[in-house]
Amino acid sequence: AADKLRDSGRSVSSAHLRYLNPFPTNLGEVLGGFEKVIIPEINMGQLSMIIRSRFLIDTIGINLVRGRPFGIDELCNRVIEEMDK
């Protein structure tokens, strides 16, 4: 989704957290450098809640609870909606 958004001219970055405990040592610094932090999750937003409480960074959650992964177009559309707000 990030590649597709960049190809369409959007300025986006992505990060894949491979482990959550402990968080990468520079995660707060990296996330703090962005205007918006959007976290897609296939649950009710537990990672967003942890990042908000740990690093005091306002996050935007895109949450789906349906047992299937996000589609690329679906995720791109939701990210564009959030970016354009």
PDB file of N, CA and C in Angstrom:
ATOM      1  N   ALA A   1       0.834  -1.189   0.000  1.00  0.00           N
ATOM      2  CA  ALA A   1       0.000   0.000   0.000  1.00  0.00           C
ATOM      3  C   ALA A   1       0.880   1.254   0.000  1.00  0.00           C
ATOM      4  N   ALA A   2       1.956   1.250   0.800  1.00  0.00           N
ATOM      5  CA  ALA A   2       2.840   2.421   0.845  1.00  0.00           C
ATOM      6  C   ALA A   2       3.494   2.645  -0.511  1.00  0.00           C
ATOM      7  N   ASP A   3       3.921   1.591  -1.176  1.00  0.00           N
ATOM      8  CA  ASP A   3       4.522   1.728  -2.508  1.00  0.00           C
ATOM      9  C   ASP A   3       3.517   2.323  -3.492  1.00  0.00           C
ATOM     10  N   LYS A   4       2.288   1.837  -3.445  1.00  0.00           N
ATOM     11  CA  LYS A   4       1.253   2.328  -4.352  1.00  0.00           C
ATOM     12  C   LYS A   4       0.960   3.803  -4.081  1.00  0.00           C
ATOM     13  N   LEU A   5       0.898   4.191  -2.820  1.00  0.00           N
ATOM     14  CA  LEU A   5       0.654   5.591  -2.468  1.00  0.00           C
ATOM     15  C   LEU A   5       1.809   6.481  -2.921  1.00  0.00           C
ATOM     16  N   ARG A   6       3.036   6.013  -2.749  1.00  0.00           N
ATOM     17  CA  ARG A   6       4.197   6.786  -3.215  1.00  0.00           C
ATOM     18  C   ARG A   6       4.183   6.917  -4.736  1.00  0.00           C
ATOM     19  N   ASP A   7       3.837   5.836  -5.428  1.00  0.00           N
ATOM     20  CA  ASP A   7       3.769   5.871  -6.896  1.00  0.00           C
ATOM     21  C   ASP A   7       2.722   6.870  -7.381  1.00  0.00           C
ATOM     22  N   SER A   8       1.688   7.110  -6.574  1.00  0.00           N
ATOM     23  CA  SER A   8       0.640   8.065  -6.961  1.00  0.00           C
ATOM     24  C   SER A   8       0.977   9.490  -6.522  1.00  0.00           C
ATOM     25  N   GLY A   9       2.163   9.684  -5.944  1.00  0.00           N
ATOM     26  CA  GLY A   9       2.601  11.026  -5.582  1.00  0.00           C
ATOM     27  C   GLY A   9       2.400  11.405  -4.119  1.00  0.00           C
ATOM     28  N   ARG A  10       1.919  10.501  -3.312  1.00  0.00           N
ATOM     29  CA  ARG A  10       1.734  10.779  -1.894  1.00  0.00           C
ATOM     30  C   ARG A  10       3.056  10.628  -1.149  1.00  0.00           C
ATOM     31  N   SER A  11       3.245  11.445  -0.140  1.00  0.00           N
ATOM     32  CA  SER A  11       4.452  11.367   0.684  1.00  0.00           C
ATOM     33  C   SER A  11       4.139  10.503   1.915  1.00  0.00           C
ATOM     34  N   VAL A  12       4.515   9.245   1.845  1.00  0.00           N
ATOM     35  CA  VAL A  12       4.259   8.311   2.940  1.00  0.00           C
ATOM     36  C   VAL A  12       5.503   7.483   3.227  1.00  0.00           C
ATOM     37  N   SER A  13       5.576   6.996   4.440  1.00  0.00           N
ATOM     38  CA  SER A  13       6.617   6.052   4.848  1.00  0.00           C
ATOM     39  C   SER A  13       5.925   4.869   5.500  1.00  0.00           C
ATOM     40  N   SER A  14       6.649   3.806   5.675  1.00  0.00           N
ATOM     41  CA  SER A  14       6.071   2.652   6.362  1.00  0.00           C
ATOM     42  C   SER A  14       7.120   2.013   7.261  1.00  0.00           C
ATOM     43  N   ALA A  15       6.638   1.361   8.273  1.00  0.00           N
ATOM     44  CA  ALA A  15       7.510   0.615   9.182  1.00  0.00           C
ATOM     45  C   ALA A  15       6.809  -0.684   9.527  1.00  0.00           C
ATOM     46  N   HIS A  16       7.560  -1.742   9.579  1.00  0.00           N
ATOM     47  CA  HIS A  16       7.027  -3.044   9.977  1.00  0.00           C
ATOM     48  C   HIS A  16       7.701  -3.426  11.291  1.00  0.00           C
ATOM     49  N   LEU A  17       6.932  -3.459  12.354  1.00  0.00           N
ATOM     50  CA  LEU A  17       7.486  -3.838  13.659  1.00  0.00           C
ATOM     51  C   LEU A  17       7.533  -5.360  13.738  1.00  0.00           C
ATOM     52  N   ARG A  18       8.706  -5.900  13.762  1.00  0.00           N
ATOM     53  CA  ARG A  18       8.863  -7.354  13.803  1.00  0.00           C
ATOM     54  C   ARG A  18       8.747  -7.905  15.220  1.00  0.00           C
ATOM     55  N   TYR A  19       8.968  -7.053  16.187  1.00  0.00           N
ATOM     56  CA  TYR A  19       8.787  -7.472  17.576  1.00  0.00           C
ATOM     57  C   TYR A  19       8.262  -6.288  18.377  1.00  0.00           C
ATOM     58  N   LEU A  20       7.526  -6.585  19.419  1.00  0.00           N
ATOM     59  CA  LEU A  20       6.870  -5.545  20.217  1.00  0.00           C
ATOM     60  C   LEU A  20       7.411  -5.446  21.634  1.00  0.00           C
ATOM     61  N   ASN A  21       8.125  -6.445  22.069  1.00  0.00           N
ATOM     62  CA  ASN A  21       8.649  -6.402  23.426  1.00  0.00           C
ATOM     63  C   ASN A  21      10.052  -6.983  23.447  1.00  0.00           C
ATOM     64  N   PRO A  22      11.035  -6.125  23.571  1.00  0.00           N
ATOM     65  CA  PRO A  22      10.922  -4.672  23.702  1.00  0.00           C
ATOM     66  C   PRO A  22      10.730  -4.027  22.337  1.00  0.00           C
ATOM     67  N   PHE A  23      10.160  -2.804  22.338  1.00  0.00           N
ATOM     68  CA  PHE A  23      10.074  -2.029  21.109  1.00  0.00           C
ATOM     69  C   PHE A  23      11.487  -1.688  20.637  1.00  0.00           C
ATOM     70  N   PRO A  24      11.670  -1.438  19.351  1.00  0.00           N
ATOM     71  CA  PRO A  24      12.971  -0.945  18.894  1.00  0.00           C
ATOM     72  C   PRO A  24      13.345   0.319  19.669  1.00  0.00           C
ATOM     73  N   THR A  25      14.598   0.478  19.993  1.00  0.00           N
ATOM     74  CA  THR A  25      15.022   1.567  20.873  1.00  0.00           C
ATOM     75  C   THR A  25      14.756   2.952  20.291  1.00  0.00           C
ATOM     76  N   ASN A  26      14.717   3.089  18.979  1.00  0.00           N
ATOM     77  CA  ASN A  26      14.502   4.401  18.367  1.00  0.00           C
ATOM     78  C   ASN A  26      13.073   4.621  17.871  1.00  0.00           C
ATOM     79  N   LEU A  27      12.136   3.774  18.252  1.00  0.00           N
ATOM     80  CA  LEU A  27      10.774   3.858  17.718  1.00  0.00           C
ATOM     81  C   LEU A  27      10.101   5.191  18.056  1.00  0.00           C
ATOM     82  N   GLY A  28      10.207   5.653  19.273  1.00  0.00           N
ATOM     83  CA  GLY A  28       9.590   6.920  19.656  1.00  0.00           C
ATOM     84  C   GLY A  28      10.136   8.082  18.855  1.00  0.00           C
ATOM     85  N   GLU A  29      11.438   8.093  18.644  1.00  0.00           N
ATOM     86  CA  GLU A  29      12.086   9.151  17.866  1.00  0.00           C
ATOM     87  C   GLU A  29      11.625   9.111  16.411  1.00  0.00           C
ATOM     88  N   VAL A  30      11.555   7.927  15.848  1.00  0.00           N
ATOM     89  CA  VAL A  30      11.136   7.782  14.451  1.00  0.00           C
ATOM     90  C   VAL A  30       9.689   8.223  14.288  1.00  0.00           C
ATOM     91  N   LEU A  31       8.796   7.724  15.127  1.00  0.00           N
ATOM     92  CA  LEU A  31       7.378   8.071  15.007  1.00  0.00           C
ATOM     93  C   LEU A  31       7.121   9.550  15.278  1.00  0.00           C
ATOM     94  N   GLY A  32       7.891  10.131  16.178  1.00  0.00           N
ATOM     95  CA  GLY A  32       7.727  11.542  16.512  1.00  0.00           C
ATOM     96  C   GLY A  32       8.082  12.483  15.379  1.00  0.00           C
ATOM     97  N   GLY A  33       8.768  11.987  14.374  1.00  0.00           N
ATOM     98  CA  GLY A  33       9.167  12.818  13.249  1.00  0.00           C
ATOM     99  C   GLY A  33       8.111  12.947  12.163  1.00  0.00           C
ATOM    100  N   PHE A  34       6.946  12.337  12.367  1.00  0.00           N
ATOM    101  CA  PHE A  34       5.914  12.369  11.336  1.00  0.00           C
ATOM    102  C   PHE A  34       4.729  13.212  11.769  1.00  0.00           C
ATOM    103  N   GLU A  35       4.085  13.834  10.776  1.00  0.00           N
ATOM    104  CA  GLU A  35       2.910  14.666  11.028  1.00  0.00           C
ATOM    105  C   GLU A  35       1.737  13.804  11.499  1.00  0.00           C
ATOM    106  N   LYS A  36       1.527  12.671  10.836  1.00  0.00           N
ATOM    107  CA  LYS A  36       0.459  11.740  11.196  1.00  0.00           C
ATOM    108  C   LYS A  36       1.043  10.344  11.265  1.00  0.00           C
ATOM    109  N   VAL A  37       0.612   9.591  12.262  1.00  0.00           N
ATOM    110  CA  VAL A  37       1.009   8.188  12.400  1.00  0.00           C
ATOM    111  C   VAL A  37      -0.266   7.369  12.277  1.00  0.00           C
ATOM    112  N   ILE A  38      -0.363   6.612  11.196  1.00  0.00           N
ATOM    113  CA  ILE A  38      -1.535   5.791  10.917  1.00  0.00           C
ATOM    114  C   ILE A  38      -1.141   4.339  11.123  1.00  0.00           C
ATOM    115  N   ILE A  39      -1.913   3.646  11.951  1.00  0.00           N
ATOM    116  CA  ILE A  39      -1.588   2.261  12.279  1.00  0.00           C
ATOM    117  C   ILE A  39      -2.746   1.359  11.856  1.00  0.00           C
ATOM    118  N   PRO A  40      -2.581   0.610  10.754  1.00  0.00           N
ATOM    119  CA  PRO A  40      -3.607  -0.356  10.375  1.00  0.00           C
ATOM    120  C   PRO A  40      -3.452  -1.626  11.207  1.00  0.00           C
ATOM    121  N   GLU A  41      -4.570  -2.087  11.747  1.00  0.00           N
ATOM    122  CA  GLU A  41      -4.535  -3.294  12.574  1.00  0.00           C
ATOM    123  C   GLU A  41      -5.755  -4.161  12.284  1.00  0.00           C
ATOM    124  N   ILE A  42      -5.549  -5.454  12.324  1.00  0.00           N
ATOM    125  CA  ILE A  42      -6.657  -6.378  12.153  1.00  0.00           C
ATOM    126  C   ILE A  42      -7.111  -6.806  13.552  1.00  0.00           C
ATOM    127  N   ASN A  43      -7.481  -5.810  14.342  1.00  0.00           N
ATOM    128  CA  ASN A  43      -8.011  -6.020  15.692  1.00  0.00           C
ATOM    129  C   ASN A  43      -8.628  -4.699  16.133  1.00  0.00           C
ATOM    130  N   MET A  44      -8.807  -4.510  17.408  1.00  0.00           N
ATOM    131  CA  MET A  44      -9.493  -3.320  17.913  1.00  0.00           C
ATOM    132  C   MET A  44      -8.549  -2.163  18.239  1.00  0.00           C
ATOM    133  N   GLY A  45      -7.303  -2.218  17.858  1.00  0.00           N
ATOM    134  CA  GLY A  45      -6.404  -1.099  18.039  1.00  0.00           C
ATOM    135  C   GLY A  45      -5.468  -1.212  19.225  1.00  0.00           C
ATOM    136  N   GLN A  46      -5.093  -2.416  19.597  1.00  0.00           N
ATOM    137  CA  GLN A  46      -4.213  -2.603  20.740  1.00  0.00           C
ATOM    138  C   GLN A  46      -2.837  -1.967  20.531  1.00  0.00           C
ATOM    139  N   LEU A  47      -2.252  -2.106  19.346  1.00  0.00           N
ATOM    140  CA  LEU A  47      -0.935  -1.515  19.100  1.00  0.00           C
ATOM    141  C   LEU A  47      -1.012   0.007  19.171  1.00  0.00           C
ATOM    142  N   SER A  48      -2.041   0.588  18.602  1.00  0.00           N
ATOM    143  CA  SER A  48      -2.209   2.041  18.693  1.00  0.00           C
ATOM    144  C   SER A  48      -2.271   2.491  20.140  1.00  0.00           C
ATOM    145  N   MET A  49      -3.009   1.760  20.948  1.00  0.00           N
ATOM    146  CA  MET A  49      -3.150   2.107  22.360  1.00  0.00           C
ATOM    147  C   MET A  49      -1.795   2.029  23.074  1.00  0.00           C
ATOM    148  N   ILE A  50      -1.016   1.018  22.800  1.00  0.00           N
ATOM    149  CA  ILE A  50       0.292   0.864  23.438  1.00  0.00           C
ATOM    150  C   ILE A  50       1.232   1.978  23.003  1.00  0.00           C
ATOM    151  N   ILE A  51       1.261   2.280  21.712  1.00  0.00           N
ATOM    152  CA  ILE A  51       2.155   3.333  21.218  1.00  0.00           C
ATOM    153  C   ILE A  51       1.743   4.693  21.776  1.00  0.00           C
ATOM    154  N   ARG A  52       0.451   4.958  21.831  1.00  0.00           N
ATOM    155  CA  ARG A  52      -0.015   6.234  22.385  1.00  0.00           C
ATOM    156  C   ARG A  52       0.395   6.389  23.842  1.00  0.00           C
ATOM    157  N   SER A  53       0.244   5.331  24.607  1.00  0.00           N
ATOM    158  CA  SER A  53       0.558   5.437  26.034  1.00  0.00           C
ATOM    159  C   SER A  53       2.062   5.432  26.298  1.00  0.00           C
ATOM    160  N   ARG A  54       2.805   4.711  25.513  1.00  0.00           N
ATOM    161  CA  ARG A  54       4.241   4.594  25.749  1.00  0.00           C
ATOM    162  C   ARG A  54       5.029   5.810  25.264  1.00  0.00           C
ATOM    163  N   PHE A  55       4.652   6.345  24.089  1.00  0.00           N
ATOM    164  CA  PHE A  55       5.424   7.418  23.473  1.00  0.00           C
ATOM    165  C   PHE A  55       4.700   8.757  23.443  1.00  0.00           C
ATOM    166  N   LEU A  56       3.455   8.809  23.925  1.00  0.00           N
ATOM    167  CA  LEU A  56       2.651  10.033  23.929  1.00  0.00           C
ATOM    168  C   LEU A  56       2.550  10.642  22.527  1.00  0.00           C
ATOM    169  N   ILE A  57       2.296   9.779  21.558  1.00  0.00           N
ATOM    170  CA  ILE A  57       2.138  10.173  20.162  1.00  0.00           C
ATOM    171  C   ILE A  57       0.704   9.883  19.761  1.00  0.00           C
ATOM    172  N   ASP A  58       0.033  10.884  19.210  1.00  0.00           N
ATOM    173  CA  ASP A  58      -1.336  10.669  18.756  1.00  0.00           C
ATOM    174  C   ASP A  58      -1.294   9.799  17.503  1.00  0.00           C
ATOM    175  N   THR A  59      -2.019   8.721  17.520  1.00  0.00           N
ATOM    176  CA  THR A  59      -2.051   7.817  16.375  1.00  0.00           C
ATOM    177  C   THR A  59      -3.450   7.784  15.787  1.00  0.00           C
ATOM    178  N   ILE A  60      -3.521   7.408  14.534  1.00  0.00           N
ATOM    179  CA  ILE A  60      -4.799   7.215  13.847  1.00  0.00           C
ATOM    180  C   ILE A  60      -4.894   5.730  13.535  1.00  0.00           C
ATOM    181  N   GLY A  61      -5.905   5.091  14.051  1.00  0.00           N
ATOM    182  CA  GLY A  61      -6.066   3.657  13.825  1.00  0.00           C
ATOM    183  C   GLY A  61      -6.987   3.362  12.659  1.00  0.00           C
ATOM    184  N   ILE A  62      -6.584   2.424  11.850  1.00  0.00           N
ATOM    185  CA  ILE A  62      -7.461   1.849  10.831  1.00  0.00           C
ATOM    186  C   ILE A  62      -7.635   0.401  11.267  1.00  0.00           C
ATOM    187  N   ASN A  63      -8.803   0.109  11.813  1.00  0.00           N
ATOM    188  CA  ASN A  63      -9.019  -1.183  12.452  1.00  0.00           C
ATOM    189  C   ASN A  63     -10.108  -1.975  11.735  1.00  0.00           C
ATOM    190  N   LEU A  64      -9.824  -3.230  11.491  1.00  0.00           N
ATOM    191  CA  LEU A  64     -10.794  -4.154  10.925  1.00  0.00           C
ATOM    192  C   LEU A  64     -10.793  -5.420  11.766  1.00  0.00           C
ATOM    193  N   VAL A  65     -11.981  -5.900  12.062  1.00  0.00           N
ATOM    194  CA  VAL A  65     -12.087  -7.162  12.792  1.00  0.00           C
ATOM    195  C   VAL A  65     -12.996  -8.053  11.953  1.00  0.00           C
ATOM    196  N   ARG A  66     -12.369  -8.784  11.041  1.00  0.00           N
ATOM    197  CA  ARG A  66     -13.158  -9.652  10.167  1.00  0.00           C
ATOM    198  C   ARG A  66     -12.431 -10.943   9.814  1.00  0.00           C
ATOM    199  N   GLY A  67     -11.214 -11.121  10.324  1.00  0.00           N
ATOM    200  CA  GLY A  67     -10.497 -12.364  10.094  1.00  0.00           C
ATOM    201  C   GLY A  67      -9.812 -12.474   8.754  1.00  0.00           C
ATOM    202  N   ARG A  68      -9.746 -11.380   7.998  1.00  0.00           N
ATOM    203  CA  ARG A  68      -9.061 -11.373   6.706  1.00  0.00           C
ATOM    204  C   ARG A  68      -8.125 -10.183   6.654  1.00  0.00           C
ATOM    205  N   PRO A  69      -7.053 -10.258   5.886  1.00  0.00           N
ATOM    206  CA  PRO A  69      -6.126  -9.123   5.794  1.00  0.00           C
ATOM    207  C   PRO A  69      -6.736  -7.962   5.008  1.00  0.00           C
ATOM    208  N   PHE A  70      -6.124  -6.793   5.156  1.00  0.00           N
ATOM    209  CA  PHE A  70      -6.513  -5.630   4.376  1.00  0.00           C
ATOM    210  C   PHE A  70      -6.205  -5.881   2.914  1.00  0.00           C
ATOM    211  N   GLY A  71      -7.050  -5.379   2.025  1.00  0.00           N
ATOM    212  CA  GLY A  71      -6.719  -5.325   0.610  1.00  0.00           C
ATOM    213  C   GLY A  71      -5.898  -4.060   0.368  1.00  0.00           C
ATOM    214  N   ILE A  72      -5.015  -4.090  -0.600  1.00  0.00           N
ATOM    215  CA  ILE A  72      -4.152  -2.936  -0.864  1.00  0.00           C
ATOM    216  C   ILE A  72      -4.987  -1.702  -1.208  1.00  0.00           C
ATOM    217  N   ASP A  73      -5.943  -1.845  -2.108  1.00  0.00           N
ATOM    218  CA  ASP A  73      -6.762  -0.694  -2.496  1.00  0.00           C
ATOM    219  C   ASP A  73      -7.574  -0.176  -1.317  1.00  0.00           C
ATOM    220  N   GLU A  74      -8.099  -1.071  -0.520  1.00  0.00           N
ATOM    221  CA  GLU A  74      -8.878  -0.689   0.656  1.00  0.00           C
ATOM    222  C   GLU A  74      -8.009   0.114   1.629  1.00  0.00           C
ATOM    223  N   LEU A  75      -6.816  -0.356   1.885  1.00  0.00           N
ATOM    224  CA  LEU A  75      -5.919   0.341   2.803  1.00  0.00           C
ATOM    225  C   LEU A  75      -5.483   1.684   2.212  1.00  0.00           C
ATOM    226  N   CYS A  76      -5.173   1.724   0.925  1.00  0.00           N
ATOM    227  CA  CYS A  76      -4.796   2.987   0.283  1.00  0.00           C
ATOM    228  C   CYS A  76      -5.919   4.013   0.412  1.00  0.00           C
ATOM    229  N   ASN A  77      -7.147   3.597   0.153  1.00  0.00           N
ATOM    230  CA  ASN A  77      -8.277   4.523   0.243  1.00  0.00           C
ATOM    231  C   ASN A  77      -8.446   5.061   1.662  1.00  0.00           C
ATOM    232  N   ARG A  78      -8.307   4.209   2.653  1.00  0.00           N
ATOM    233  CA  ARG A  78      -8.453   4.656   4.051  1.00  0.00           C
ATOM    234  C   ARG A  78      -7.326   5.605   4.452  1.00  0.00           C
ATOM    235  N   VAL A  79      -6.100   5.325   4.002  1.00  0.00           N
ATOM    236  CA  VAL A  79      -4.977   6.205   4.315  1.00  0.00           C
ATOM    237  C   VAL A  79      -5.172   7.561   3.636  1.00  0.00           C
ATOM    238  N   ILE A  80      -5.609   7.573   2.413  1.00  0.00           N
ATOM    239  CA  ILE A  80      -5.866   8.832   1.697  1.00  0.00           C
ATOM    240  C   ILE A  80      -6.929   9.646   2.429  1.00  0.00           C
ATOM    241  N   GLU A  81      -7.983   8.989   2.890  1.00  0.00           N
ATOM    242  CA  GLU A  81      -9.024   9.687   3.663  1.00  0.00           C
ATOM    243  C   GLU A  81      -8.427  10.377   4.885  1.00  0.00           C
ATOM    244  N   GLU A  82      -7.568   9.666   5.598  1.00  0.00           N
ATOM    245  CA  GLU A  82      -6.964  10.227   6.804  1.00  0.00           C
ATOM    246  C   GLU A  82      -5.974  11.337   6.470  1.00  0.00           C
ATOM    247  N   MET A  83      -5.235  11.181   5.407  1.00  0.00           N
ATOM    248  CA  MET A  83      -4.249  12.203   5.022  1.00  0.00           C
ATOM    249  C   MET A  83      -4.927  13.490   4.585  1.00  0.00           C
ATOM    250  N   ASP A  84      -6.091  13.390   3.965  1.00  0.00           N
ATOM    251  CA  ASP A  84      -6.778  14.561   3.435  1.00  0.00           C
ATOM    252  C   ASP A  84      -7.626  15.297   4.473  1.00  0.00           C
ATOM    253  N   LYS A  85      -7.697  14.781   5.670  1.00  0.00           N
ATOM    254  CA  LYS A  85      -8.481  15.450   6.726  1.00  0.00           C
ATOM    255  C   LYS A  85      -7.782  16.694   7.183  1.00  0.00           C
TER     256      LYS A  85
END
